[in-house]
Amino acid sequence: MIIEKSNRSRRRIAAVGMYDGVHLGHRYLIDYLSLEARSRNLTPSVVTFRNHPLSVVRPDDAPPMLMEPDEKFLRLEQAGADDIIVLDFDEKMRHMPAAGFLKMLHKNYAIDSLVVGFNNRFGHNRTDGFQQYQAIGREIGMEVLEAPEYKGIGSPVSSSIIRTNLAQGLIDQANIALGRNYTLEGPVVPGRQLGRTLGFPTANIVPDFKNICIPGCGVYAALTTTPDKVRRPTILNIGHRPTVEADGDKAPISIEAHILDYAGYLYGERLTIEFIEKLRDERKFDSLEKLKKAISNDTRKARSIFKGLDII
């Protein structure tokens, strides 16, 4: 259940976080939360934010998100959170001390137990630690538990590390930490159709969520889910298209998918792109013929990656 205003319909145990990406560390925390919930007969819940706190505290440093809010809520539910309490991070919350924040959770959302993630901090000065949270909890009647540190596959895991990996084209490391393939989703829009003239028609995709994290410029092996729900091998180019754009690397970023062995009409359709592996950096070629040869080479590399993999 997604809760967007005060709700005391059932007693809860919760953990607070942005949960961007709902990665392996987040799922480990929710597993621990669910275990503690069963032993206390409480509803396992998470408290999250509609907007990243940095968008208020330091807007210039606010990061792009690894998934849009609705997908995050769905994946939190799939991970085991029965209730998802969604807060708006605003100036009032920014200046709220930890004691006030815990009191608000206890009073407005019937949170009787709070699980604090390893090294997690909240409150306007973020200097309080677990012992201070426990002391506050004793005063207001809230049990405060500290979750163990995640030390499993891909650790250490954090949303910021995943963003860095995506920016650097380290798709395998990002996917391991996420526990799934990183995805972008959006409609196909008209392009210049240059790919068609080169023999490699592409679908130009504009992500639905404007603040989504886009991997670094380059050519990728990917999977595209087409309208018939089939996942198809794809060569994906992200970049400024310096070979064909007069502005070179100052041209807007484009996302172009060449779906191998597919000829369906896609304009206006929605596609989901899963990133598998980076093939090479984006570069400027001296001629369209050299660009065409490079794309042919990319295709051979991608086919070798997909060959024998049970992912379709």
C-alpha atoms as a PDB file:
ATOM      1  CA  MET A   1       0.000   0.000   0.000  1.00  0.00           C
ATOM      2  CA  ILE A   2       1.345   3.409  -0.985  1.00  0.00           C
ATOM      3  CA  ILE A   3       0.716   5.967   1.773  1.00  0.00           C
ATOM      4  CA  GLU A   4       0.983   9.674   0.965  1.00  0.00           C
ATOM      5  CA  LYS A   5      -0.631  11.204   4.060  1.00  0.00           C
ATOM      6  CA  SER A   6      -0.942  10.431   7.768  1.00  0.00           C
ATOM      7  CA  ASN A   7      -2.077   6.837   8.285  1.00  0.00           C
ATOM      8  CA  ARG A   8      -2.329   4.879  11.538  1.00  0.00           C
ATOM      9  CA  SER A   9      -4.390   1.981  10.203  1.00  0.00           C
ATOM     10  CA  ARG A  10      -1.877  -0.605  11.438  1.00  0.00           C
ATOM     11  CA  ARG A  11       1.227  -0.783  13.584  1.00  0.00           C
ATOM     12  CA  ARG A  12       4.432  -0.737  11.584  1.00  0.00           C
ATOM     13  CA  ILE A  13       8.147  -1.383  11.551  1.00  0.00           C
ATOM     14  CA  ALA A  14       9.969   0.712   8.984  1.00  0.00           C
ATOM     15  CA  ALA A  15      13.308   1.709   7.494  1.00  0.00           C
ATOM     16  CA  VAL A  16      14.000   5.149   6.008  1.00  0.00           C
ATOM     17  CA  GLY A  17      15.824   5.738   2.725  1.00  0.00           C
ATOM     18  CA  MET A  18      15.724   7.090  -0.807  1.00  0.00           C
ATOM     19  CA  TYR A  19      15.860   3.509  -2.156  1.00  0.00           C
ATOM     20  CA  ASP A  20      16.915   4.692  -5.597  1.00  0.00           C
ATOM     21  CA  GLY A  21      17.425   1.615  -7.755  1.00  0.00           C
ATOM     22  CA  VAL A  22      16.171  -0.817  -5.083  1.00  0.00           C
ATOM     23  CA  HIS A  23      19.563  -2.501  -5.364  1.00  0.00           C
ATOM     24  CA  LEU A  24      20.902  -5.586  -3.542  1.00  0.00           C
ATOM     25  CA  GLY A  25      21.759  -3.562  -0.440  1.00  0.00           C
ATOM     26  CA  HIS A  26      18.219  -2.202  -0.261  1.00  0.00           C
ATOM     27  CA  ARG A  27      16.733  -5.664  -0.678  1.00  0.00           C
ATOM     28  CA  TYR A  28      19.013  -7.029   2.040  1.00  0.00           C
ATOM     29  CA  LEU A  29      17.745  -4.301   4.380  1.00  0.00           C
ATOM     30  CA  ILE A  30      14.103  -5.088   3.547  1.00  0.00           C
ATOM     31  CA  ASP A  31      14.739  -8.807   4.128  1.00  0.00           C
ATOM     32  CA  TYR A  32      16.054  -7.967   7.600  1.00  0.00           C
ATOM     33  CA  LEU A  33      13.104  -5.617   8.163  1.00  0.00           C
ATOM     34  CA  SER A  34      10.629  -8.352   7.183  1.00  0.00           C
ATOM     35  CA  LEU A  35      12.267 -10.841   9.538  1.00  0.00           C
ATOM     36  CA  GLU A  36      11.995  -8.415  12.452  1.00  0.00           C
ATOM     37  CA  ALA A  37       8.407  -7.583  11.462  1.00  0.00           C
ATOM     38  CA  ARG A  38       7.303 -11.204  11.730  1.00  0.00           C
ATOM     39  CA  SER A  39       8.795 -11.606  15.208  1.00  0.00           C
ATOM     40  CA  ARG A  40       6.960  -8.459  16.396  1.00  0.00           C
ATOM     41  CA  ASN A  41       3.678  -8.878  14.501  1.00  0.00           C
ATOM     42  CA  LEU A  42       4.220  -5.530  12.789  1.00  0.00           C
ATOM     43  CA  THR A  43       3.719  -4.505   9.161  1.00  0.00           C
ATOM     44  CA  PRO A  44       7.021  -4.257   7.231  1.00  0.00           C
ATOM     45  CA  SER A  45       7.181  -0.757   5.764  1.00  0.00           C
ATOM     46  CA  VAL A  46       9.603   1.681   4.186  1.00  0.00           C
ATOM     47  CA  VAL A  47       9.710   5.456   4.410  1.00  0.00           C
ATOM     48  CA  THR A  48      10.987   7.093   1.248  1.00  0.00           C
ATOM     49  CA  PHE A  49      10.961  10.455  -0.507  1.00  0.00           C
ATOM     50  CA  ARG A  50       9.291  11.579  -3.698  1.00  0.00           C
ATOM     51  CA  ASN A  51      12.247  13.866  -4.448  1.00  0.00           C
ATOM     52  CA  HIS A  52      15.921  13.457  -3.628  1.00  0.00           C
ATOM     53  CA  PRO A  53      16.877  15.476  -0.504  1.00  0.00           C
ATOM     54  CA  LEU A  54      19.760  17.061  -2.397  1.00  0.00           C
ATOM     55  CA  SER A  55      17.238  18.663  -4.767  1.00  0.00           C
ATOM     56  CA  VAL A  56      16.362  20.909  -1.808  1.00  0.00           C
ATOM     57  CA  VAL A  57      19.629  21.018   0.140  1.00  0.00           C
ATOM     58  CA  ARG A  58      22.056  21.463  -2.778  1.00  0.00           C
ATOM     59  CA  PRO A  59      20.110  21.490  -6.051  1.00  0.00           C
ATOM     60  CA  ASP A  60      23.232  21.652  -8.227  1.00  0.00           C
ATOM     61  CA  ASP A  61      24.447  18.378  -6.686  1.00  0.00           C
ATOM     62  CA  ALA A  62      21.157  16.496  -6.974  1.00  0.00           C
ATOM     63  CA  PRO A  63      21.858  13.243  -8.861  1.00  0.00           C
ATOM     64  CA  PRO A  64      19.834  11.699 -11.681  1.00  0.00           C
ATOM     65  CA  MET A  65      17.660   8.813 -10.554  1.00  0.00           C
ATOM     66  CA  LEU A  66      18.153   5.137 -11.348  1.00  0.00           C
ATOM     67  CA  MET A  67      14.413   4.618 -11.786  1.00  0.00           C
ATOM     68  CA  GLU A  68      11.201   6.606 -11.888  1.00  0.00           C
ATOM     69  CA  PRO A  69       9.067   6.736  -8.698  1.00  0.00           C
ATOM     70  CA  ASP A  70       6.339   4.324  -9.808  1.00  0.00           C
ATOM     71  CA  GLU A  71       8.893   1.657 -10.688  1.00  0.00           C
ATOM     72  CA  LYS A  72      10.620   2.202  -7.351  1.00  0.00           C
ATOM     73  CA  PHE A  73       7.351   1.712  -5.476  1.00  0.00           C
ATOM     74  CA  LEU A  74       6.622  -1.490  -7.409  1.00  0.00           C
ATOM     75  CA  ARG A  75      10.074  -2.931  -6.763  1.00  0.00           C
ATOM     76  CA  LEU A  76       9.872  -2.037  -3.061  1.00  0.00           C
ATOM     77  CA  GLU A  77       6.610  -3.963  -2.855  1.00  0.00           C
ATOM     78  CA  GLN A  78       8.180  -6.907  -4.680  1.00  0.00           C
ATOM     79  CA  ALA A  79      11.094  -6.804  -2.233  1.00  0.00           C
ATOM     80  CA  GLY A  80       8.718  -7.276   0.706  1.00  0.00           C
ATOM     81  CA  ALA A  81       7.561  -3.828   1.858  1.00  0.00           C
ATOM     82  CA  ASP A  82       3.826  -4.054   2.568  1.00  0.00           C
ATOM     83  CA  ASP A  83       3.472  -0.301   3.123  1.00  0.00           C
ATOM     84  CA  ILE A  84       5.409   2.436   1.315  1.00  0.00           C
ATOM     85  CA  ILE A  85       5.232   5.790   3.072  1.00  0.00           C
ATOM     86  CA  VAL A  86       6.073   8.557   0.596  1.00  0.00           C
ATOM     87  CA  LEU A  87       7.201  11.924   1.958  1.00  0.00           C
ATOM     88  CA  ASP A  88       7.940  15.171   0.164  1.00  0.00           C
ATOM     89  CA  PHE A  89      11.337  16.495   1.171  1.00  0.00           C
ATOM     90  CA  ASP A  90      10.837  20.233   1.605  1.00  0.00           C
ATOM     91  CA  GLU A  91      12.369  23.088   3.571  1.00  0.00           C
ATOM     92  CA  LYS A  92      10.420  22.143   6.695  1.00  0.00           C
ATOM     93  CA  MET A  93      11.749  18.605   6.626  1.00  0.00           C
ATOM     94  CA  ARG A  94      15.217  19.839   5.748  1.00  0.00           C
ATOM     95  CA  HIS A  95      15.419  21.702   9.052  1.00  0.00           C
ATOM     96  CA  MET A  96      13.701  19.010  11.133  1.00  0.00           C
ATOM     97  CA  PRO A  97      16.010  17.492  13.773  1.00  0.00           C
ATOM     98  CA  ALA A  98      16.236  13.731  14.128  1.00  0.00           C
ATOM     99  CA  ALA A  99      14.058  13.782  17.266  1.00  0.00           C
ATOM    100  CA  GLY A 100      11.293  15.644  15.445  1.00  0.00           C
ATOM    101  CA  PHE A 101      11.519  13.311  12.468  1.00  0.00           C
ATOM    102  CA  LEU A 102      11.207  10.174  14.618  1.00  0.00           C
ATOM    103  CA  LYS A 103       8.316  11.669  16.592  1.00  0.00           C
ATOM    104  CA  MET A 104       6.528  12.480  13.342  1.00  0.00           C
ATOM    105  CA  LEU A 105       6.940   8.917  12.060  1.00  0.00           C
ATOM    106  CA  HIS A 106       5.696   7.462  15.338  1.00  0.00           C
ATOM    107  CA  LYS A 107       2.720   9.824  15.640  1.00  0.00           C
ATOM    108  CA  ASN A 108       1.557  10.081  12.018  1.00  0.00           C
ATOM    109  CA  TYR A 109       2.316   6.600  10.712  1.00  0.00           C
ATOM    110  CA  ALA A 110       2.181   4.322  13.784  1.00  0.00           C
ATOM    111  CA  ILE A 111       5.794   3.265  13.379  1.00  0.00           C
ATOM    112  CA  ASP A 112       6.592   1.413  16.595  1.00  0.00           C
ATOM    113  CA  SER A 113       9.974   0.067  15.472  1.00  0.00           C
ATOM    114  CA  LEU A 114      12.558   1.693  13.225  1.00  0.00           C
ATOM    115  CA  VAL A 115      15.354  -0.184  11.471  1.00  0.00           C
ATOM    116  CA  VAL A 116      18.345   2.037  10.823  1.00  0.00           C
ATOM    117  CA  GLY A 117      20.459   0.964   7.865  1.00  0.00           C
ATOM    118  CA  PHE A 118      24.201   0.535   8.348  1.00  0.00           C
ATOM    119  CA  ASN A 119      25.814   3.994   8.598  1.00  0.00           C
ATOM    120  CA  ASN A 120      22.470   5.671   7.801  1.00  0.00           C
ATOM    121  CA  ARG A 121      21.922   9.175   9.184  1.00  0.00           C
ATOM    122  CA  PHE A 122      18.976  11.561   9.137  1.00  0.00           C
ATOM    123  CA  GLY A 123      17.947  14.848  10.706  1.00  0.00           C
ATOM    124  CA  HIS A 124      18.956  18.343   9.622  1.00  0.00           C
ATOM    125  CA  ASN A 125      22.522  18.178  10.971  1.00  0.00           C
ATOM    126  CA  ARG A 126      23.014  14.431  10.341  1.00  0.00           C
ATOM    127  CA  THR A 127      25.460  14.202  13.251  1.00  0.00           C
ATOM    128  CA  ASP A 128      23.349  11.963  15.453  1.00  0.00           C
ATOM    129  CA  GLY A 129      24.163   8.264  15.345  1.00  0.00           C
ATOM    130  CA  PHE A 130      22.537   5.008  16.297  1.00  0.00           C
ATOM    131  CA  GLN A 131      22.905   5.485  20.053  1.00  0.00           C
ATOM    132  CA  GLN A 132      21.246   8.902  19.846  1.00  0.00           C
ATOM    133  CA  TYR A 133      18.402   7.427  17.786  1.00  0.00           C
ATOM    134  CA  GLN A 134      17.922   4.723  20.395  1.00  0.00           C
ATOM    135  CA  ALA A 135      17.775   7.329  23.165  1.00  0.00           C
ATOM    136  CA  ILE A 136      15.181   9.335  21.235  1.00  0.00           C
ATOM    137  CA  GLY A 137      13.221   6.139  20.645  1.00  0.00           C
ATOM    138  CA  ARG A 138      13.106   5.326  24.342  1.00  0.00           C
ATOM    139  CA  GLU A 139      11.690   8.773  25.054  1.00  0.00           C
ATOM    140  CA  ILE A 140       8.862   8.478  22.528  1.00  0.00           C
ATOM    141  CA  GLY A 141       8.131   4.750  22.757  1.00  0.00           C
ATOM    142  CA  MET A 142       9.804   3.668  19.526  1.00  0.00           C
ATOM    143  CA  GLU A 143      12.176   0.712  19.333  1.00  0.00           C
ATOM    144  CA  VAL A 144      15.261   1.453  17.212  1.00  0.00           C
ATOM    145  CA  LEU A 145      17.213  -1.409  15.635  1.00  0.00           C
ATOM    146  CA  GLU A 146      20.426  -1.319  13.619  1.00  0.00           C
ATOM    147  CA  ALA A 147      20.528  -3.457  10.496  1.00  0.00           C
ATOM    148  CA  PRO A 148      23.688  -5.464   9.790  1.00  0.00           C
ATOM    149  CA  GLU A 149      25.972  -4.322   6.987  1.00  0.00           C
ATOM    150  CA  TYR A 150      25.390  -5.854   3.559  1.00  0.00           C
ATOM    151  CA  LYS A 151      28.486  -7.843   2.581  1.00  0.00           C
ATOM    152  CA  GLY A 152      27.090  -9.940  -0.252  1.00  0.00           C
ATOM    153  CA  ILE A 153      27.682  -9.985  -3.987  1.00  0.00           C
ATOM    154  CA  GLY A 154      28.843  -6.684  -5.466  1.00  0.00           C
ATOM    155  CA  SER A 155      29.467  -5.068  -2.071  1.00  0.00           C
ATOM    156  CA  PRO A 156      29.951  -2.309  -1.196  1.00  0.00           C
ATOM    157  CA  VAL A 157      26.702  -1.308  -2.892  1.00  0.00           C
ATOM    158  CA  SER A 158      25.175   2.149  -3.071  1.00  0.00           C
ATOM    159  CA  SER A 159      23.096   4.142  -5.525  1.00  0.00           C
ATOM    160  CA  SER A 160      25.945   6.628  -5.998  1.00  0.00           C
ATOM    161  CA  ILE A 161      28.413   3.847  -6.852  1.00  0.00           C
ATOM    162  CA  ILE A 162      25.947   2.462  -9.401  1.00  0.00           C
ATOM    163  CA  ARG A 163      25.557   5.891 -11.006  1.00  0.00           C
ATOM    164  CA  THR A 164      29.333   6.198 -11.256  1.00  0.00           C
ATOM    165  CA  ASN A 165      29.573   2.763 -12.868  1.00  0.00           C
ATOM    166  CA  LEU A 166      26.912   3.687 -15.420  1.00  0.00           C
ATOM    167  CA  ALA A 167      28.635   6.964 -16.243  1.00  0.00           C
ATOM    168  CA  GLN A 168      31.879   5.070 -16.850  1.00  0.00           C
ATOM    169  CA  GLY A 169      30.204   2.374 -18.938  1.00  0.00           C
ATOM    170  CA  LEU A 170      30.864  -0.332 -16.326  1.00  0.00           C
ATOM    171  CA  ILE A 171      27.541  -1.974 -17.064  1.00  0.00           C
ATOM    172  CA  ASP A 172      28.411  -5.390 -15.645  1.00  0.00           C
ATOM    173  CA  GLN A 173      29.289  -3.897 -12.255  1.00  0.00           C
ATOM    174  CA  ALA A 174      26.143  -1.753 -12.209  1.00  0.00           C
ATOM    175  CA  ASN A 175      23.966  -4.738 -13.109  1.00  0.00           C
ATOM    176  CA  ILE A 176      25.534  -6.917 -10.419  1.00  0.00           C
ATOM    177  CA  ALA A 177      24.868  -4.282  -7.749  1.00  0.00           C
ATOM    178  CA  LEU A 178      21.306  -3.779  -8.972  1.00  0.00           C
ATOM    179  CA  GLY A 179      20.611  -7.497  -9.148  1.00  0.00           C
ATOM    180  CA  ARG A 180      19.073  -6.913 -12.590  1.00  0.00           C
ATOM    181  CA  ASN A 181      19.882  -5.252 -15.895  1.00  0.00           C
ATOM    182  CA  TYR A 182      19.771  -1.470 -15.832  1.00  0.00           C
ATOM    183  CA  THR A 183      16.900  -0.224 -18.009  1.00  0.00           C
ATOM    184  CA  LEU A 184      15.611   2.843 -19.808  1.00  0.00           C
ATOM    185  CA  GLU A 185      12.065   3.125 -21.092  1.00  0.00           C
ATOM    186  CA  GLY A 186      10.318   5.548 -23.410  1.00  0.00           C
ATOM    187  CA  PRO A 187       8.593   6.159 -26.731  1.00  0.00           C
ATOM    188  CA  VAL A 188      10.170   6.074 -30.185  1.00  0.00           C
ATOM    189  CA  VAL A 189      10.301   9.505 -31.832  1.00  0.00           C
ATOM    190  CA  PRO A 190      11.180  10.504 -35.406  1.00  0.00           C
ATOM    191  CA  GLY A 191      14.869  11.013 -36.169  1.00  0.00           C
ATOM    192  CA  ARG A 192      16.940  11.940 -39.198  1.00  0.00           C
ATOM    193  CA  GLN A 193      16.770   8.346 -40.517  1.00  0.00           C
ATOM    194  CA  LEU A 194      20.480   8.388 -41.280  1.00  0.00           C
ATOM    195  CA  GLY A 195      20.854   4.889 -39.866  1.00  0.00           C
ATOM    196  CA  ARG A 196      18.438   3.574 -42.466  1.00  0.00           C
ATOM    197  CA  THR A 197      20.556   5.007 -45.297  1.00  0.00           C
ATOM    198  CA  LEU A 198      23.606   3.251 -43.800  1.00  0.00           C
ATOM    199  CA  GLY A 199      21.748  -0.055 -43.635  1.00  0.00           C
ATOM    200  CA  PHE A 200      21.308   0.068 -39.843  1.00  0.00           C
ATOM    201  CA  PRO A 201      17.873   1.565 -39.084  1.00  0.00           C
ATOM    202  CA  THR A 202      17.535   2.881 -35.556  1.00  0.00           C
ATOM    203  CA  ALA A 203      14.732   3.725 -33.158  1.00  0.00           C
ATOM    204  CA  ASN A 204      15.269   7.067 -31.418  1.00  0.00           C
ATOM    205  CA  ILE A 205      14.127   6.825 -27.820  1.00  0.00           C
ATOM    206  CA  VAL A 206      13.285   9.612 -25.366  1.00  0.00           C
ATOM    207  CA  PRO A 207      13.137   8.325 -21.755  1.00  0.00           C
ATOM    208  CA  ASP A 208       9.818   8.904 -19.989  1.00  0.00           C
ATOM    209  CA  PHE A 209      11.425  10.115 -16.774  1.00  0.00           C
ATOM    210  CA  LYS A 210      13.326  13.312 -17.465  1.00  0.00           C
ATOM    211  CA  ASN A 211      15.633  12.902 -14.466  1.00  0.00           C
ATOM    212  CA  ILE A 212      16.683   9.332 -15.276  1.00  0.00           C
ATOM    213  CA  CYS A 213      20.357   8.367 -15.152  1.00  0.00           C
ATOM    214  CA  ILE A 214      21.648   7.867 -18.712  1.00  0.00           C
ATOM    215  CA  PRO A 215      24.833   5.772 -19.050  1.00  0.00           C
ATOM    216  CA  GLY A 216      27.921   7.440 -20.464  1.00  0.00           C
ATOM    217  CA  CYS A 217      28.329   8.070 -24.170  1.00  0.00           C
ATOM    218  CA  GLY A 218      29.234   4.997 -26.164  1.00  0.00           C
ATOM    219  CA  VAL A 219      27.961   1.940 -28.005  1.00  0.00           C
ATOM    220  CA  TYR A 220      26.320  -0.830 -26.007  1.00  0.00           C
ATOM    221  CA  ALA A 221      25.055  -4.365 -26.418  1.00  0.00           C
ATOM    222  CA  ALA A 222      21.495  -4.254 -25.122  1.00  0.00           C
ATOM    223  CA  LEU A 223      18.152  -5.987 -25.158  1.00  0.00           C
ATOM    224  CA  THR A 224      15.050  -4.211 -26.424  1.00  0.00           C
ATOM    225  CA  THR A 225      11.558  -5.340 -25.498  1.00  0.00           C
ATOM    226  CA  THR A 226       9.432  -4.592 -28.559  1.00  0.00           C
ATOM    227  CA  PRO A 227       5.621  -4.160 -28.558  1.00  0.00           C
ATOM    228  CA  ASP A 228       5.176  -7.912 -29.050  1.00  0.00           C
ATOM    229  CA  LYS A 229       6.885  -8.393 -25.633  1.00  0.00           C
ATOM    230  CA  VAL A 230       9.929 -10.109 -27.185  1.00  0.00           C
ATOM    231  CA  ARG A 231      13.394  -9.194 -25.869  1.00  0.00           C
ATOM    232  CA  ARG A 232      15.599  -8.639 -28.906  1.00  0.00           C
ATOM    233  CA  PRO A 233      19.401  -8.207 -29.249  1.00  0.00           C
ATOM    234  CA  THR A 234      20.256  -4.580 -29.916  1.00  0.00           C
ATOM    235  CA  ILE A 235      23.125  -2.223 -30.675  1.00  0.00           C
ATOM    236  CA  LEU A 236      22.505   0.951 -28.687  1.00  0.00           C
ATOM    237  CA  ASN A 237      24.289   4.237 -29.297  1.00  0.00           C
ATOM    238  CA  ILE A 238      24.255   6.990 -26.684  1.00  0.00           C
ATOM    239  CA  GLY A 239      25.961  10.220 -27.589  1.00  0.00           C
ATOM    240  CA  HIS A 240      26.304  13.345 -29.662  1.00  0.00           C
ATOM    241  CA  ARG A 241      26.762  11.604 -33.053  1.00  0.00           C
ATOM    242  CA  PRO A 242      29.934  13.613 -33.809  1.00  0.00           C
ATOM    243  CA  THR A 243      30.421  12.054 -37.263  1.00  0.00           C
ATOM    244  CA  VAL A 244      27.135  13.446 -38.613  1.00  0.00           C
ATOM    245  CA  GLU A 245      26.344  16.422 -36.366  1.00  0.00           C
ATOM    246  CA  ALA A 246      27.808  19.810 -37.275  1.00  0.00           C
ATOM    247  CA  ASP A 247      28.068  20.768 -33.591  1.00  0.00           C
ATOM    248  CA  GLY A 248      30.125  17.661 -32.814  1.00  0.00           C
ATOM    249  CA  ASP A 249      30.242  16.823 -29.129  1.00  0.00           C
ATOM    250  CA  LYS A 250      28.107  19.888 -28.350  1.00  0.00           C
ATOM    251  CA  ALA A 251      25.049  18.392 -30.045  1.00  0.00           C
ATOM    252  CA  PRO A 252      22.246  17.103 -27.795  1.00  0.00           C
ATOM    253  CA  ILE A 253      22.523  13.553 -26.452  1.00  0.00           C
ATOM    254  CA  SER A 254      20.578  11.000 -28.470  1.00  0.00           C
ATOM    255  CA  ILE A 255      19.651   7.394 -27.675  1.00  0.00           C
ATOM    256  CA  GLU A 256      19.396   5.219 -30.789  1.00  0.00           C
ATOM    257  CA  ALA A 257      18.608   1.511 -30.849  1.00  0.00           C
ATOM    258  CA  HIS A 258      19.406  -0.713 -33.833  1.00  0.00           C
ATOM    259  CA  ILE A 259      17.404  -3.864 -33.120  1.00  0.00           C
ATOM    260  CA  LEU A 260      19.079  -6.807 -34.821  1.00  0.00           C
ATOM    261  CA  ASP A 261      17.017  -8.799 -37.326  1.00  0.00           C
ATOM    262  CA  TYR A 262      13.877  -6.730 -36.736  1.00  0.00           C
ATOM    263  CA  ALA A 263      11.889  -4.641 -39.199  1.00  0.00           C
ATOM    264  CA  GLY A 264       8.701  -3.679 -37.327  1.00  0.00           C
ATOM    265  CA  TYR A 265       7.157  -0.194 -37.366  1.00  0.00           C
ATOM    266  CA  LEU A 266       7.991   1.447 -34.048  1.00  0.00           C
ATOM    267  CA  TYR A 267       7.170   5.163 -34.251  1.00  0.00           C
ATOM    268  CA  GLY A 268       5.069   6.105 -31.230  1.00  0.00           C
ATOM    269  CA  GLU A 269       5.612   2.715 -29.595  1.00  0.00           C
ATOM    270  CA  ARG A 270       7.176   2.344 -26.169  1.00  0.00           C
ATOM    271  CA  LEU A 271      10.393   0.371 -25.815  1.00  0.00           C
ATOM    272  CA  THR A 272      12.278  -0.940 -22.797  1.00  0.00           C
ATOM    273  CA  ILE A 273      16.061  -1.092 -23.148  1.00  0.00           C
ATOM    274  CA  GLU A 274      18.186  -3.354 -20.926  1.00  0.00           C
ATOM    275  CA  PHE A 275      21.921  -2.643 -20.840  1.00  0.00           C
ATOM    276  CA  ILE A 276      24.173  -5.711 -21.127  1.00  0.00           C
ATOM    277  CA  GLU A 277      27.718  -4.557 -21.966  1.00  0.00           C
ATOM    278  CA  LYS A 278      29.584  -1.562 -23.353  1.00  0.00           C
ATOM    279  CA  LEU A 279      31.194  -2.240 -26.723  1.00  0.00           C
ATOM    280  CA  ARG A 280      33.239   0.909 -27.242  1.00  0.00           C
ATOM    281  CA  ASP A 281      33.411   4.665 -26.658  1.00  0.00           C
ATOM    282  CA  GLU A 282      31.729   7.073 -29.015  1.00  0.00           C
ATOM    283  CA  ARG A 283      34.134   8.548 -31.571  1.00  0.00           C
ATOM    284  CA  LYS A 284      34.147  10.718 -34.665  1.00  0.00           C
ATOM    285  CA  PHE A 285      34.885   8.945 -37.955  1.00  0.00           C
ATOM    286  CA  ASP A 286      36.394  10.559 -41.030  1.00  0.00           C
ATOM    287  CA  SER A 287      33.618   9.334 -43.288  1.00  0.00           C
ATOM    288  CA  LEU A 288      30.218   7.659 -43.284  1.00  0.00           C
ATOM    289  CA  GLU A 289      31.833   4.588 -44.819  1.00  0.00           C
ATOM    290  CA  LYS A 290      34.150   4.232 -41.831  1.00  0.00           C
ATOM    291  CA  LEU A 291      31.182   4.742 -39.502  1.00  0.00           C
ATOM    292  CA  LYS A 292      29.315   1.992 -41.342  1.00  0.00           C
ATOM    293  CA  LYS A 293      32.276  -0.372 -40.943  1.00  0.00           C
ATOM    294  CA  ALA A 294      32.438   0.418 -37.236  1.00  0.00           C
ATOM    295  CA  ILE A 295      28.730  -0.365 -36.799  1.00  0.00           C
ATOM    296  CA  SER A 296      29.232  -3.670 -38.648  1.00  0.00           C
ATOM    297  CA  ASN A 297      32.031  -4.496 -36.227  1.00  0.00           C
ATOM    298  CA  ASP A 298      29.814  -3.507 -33.279  1.00  0.00           C
ATOM    299  CA  THR A 299      27.151  -5.866 -34.579  1.00  0.00           C
ATOM    300  CA  ARG A 300      29.586  -8.782 -34.757  1.00  0.00           C
ATOM    301  CA  LYS A 301      30.773  -8.106 -31.205  1.00  0.00           C
ATOM    302  CA  ALA A 302      27.201  -7.910 -29.927  1.00  0.00           C
ATOM    303  CA  ARG A 303      26.198 -11.149 -31.613  1.00  0.00           C
ATOM    304  CA  SER A 304      29.159 -12.900 -29.998  1.00  0.00           C
ATOM    305  CA  ILE A 305      28.062 -11.579 -26.597  1.00  0.00           C
ATOM    306  CA  PHE A 306      24.487 -12.773 -27.025  1.00  0.00           C
ATOM    307  CA  LYS A 307      25.420 -16.104 -28.574  1.00  0.00           C
ATOM    308  CA  GLY A 308      24.912 -18.877 -26.076  1.00  0.00           C
ATOM    309  CA  LEU A 309      23.574 -16.593 -23.332  1.00  0.00           C
ATOM    310  CA  ASP A 310      20.204 -17.659 -21.951  1.00  0.00           C
ATOM    311  CA  ILE A 311      18.788 -14.136 -21.658  1.00  0.00           C
ATOM    312  CA  ILE A 312      16.209 -13.964 -24.423  1.00  0.00           C
END
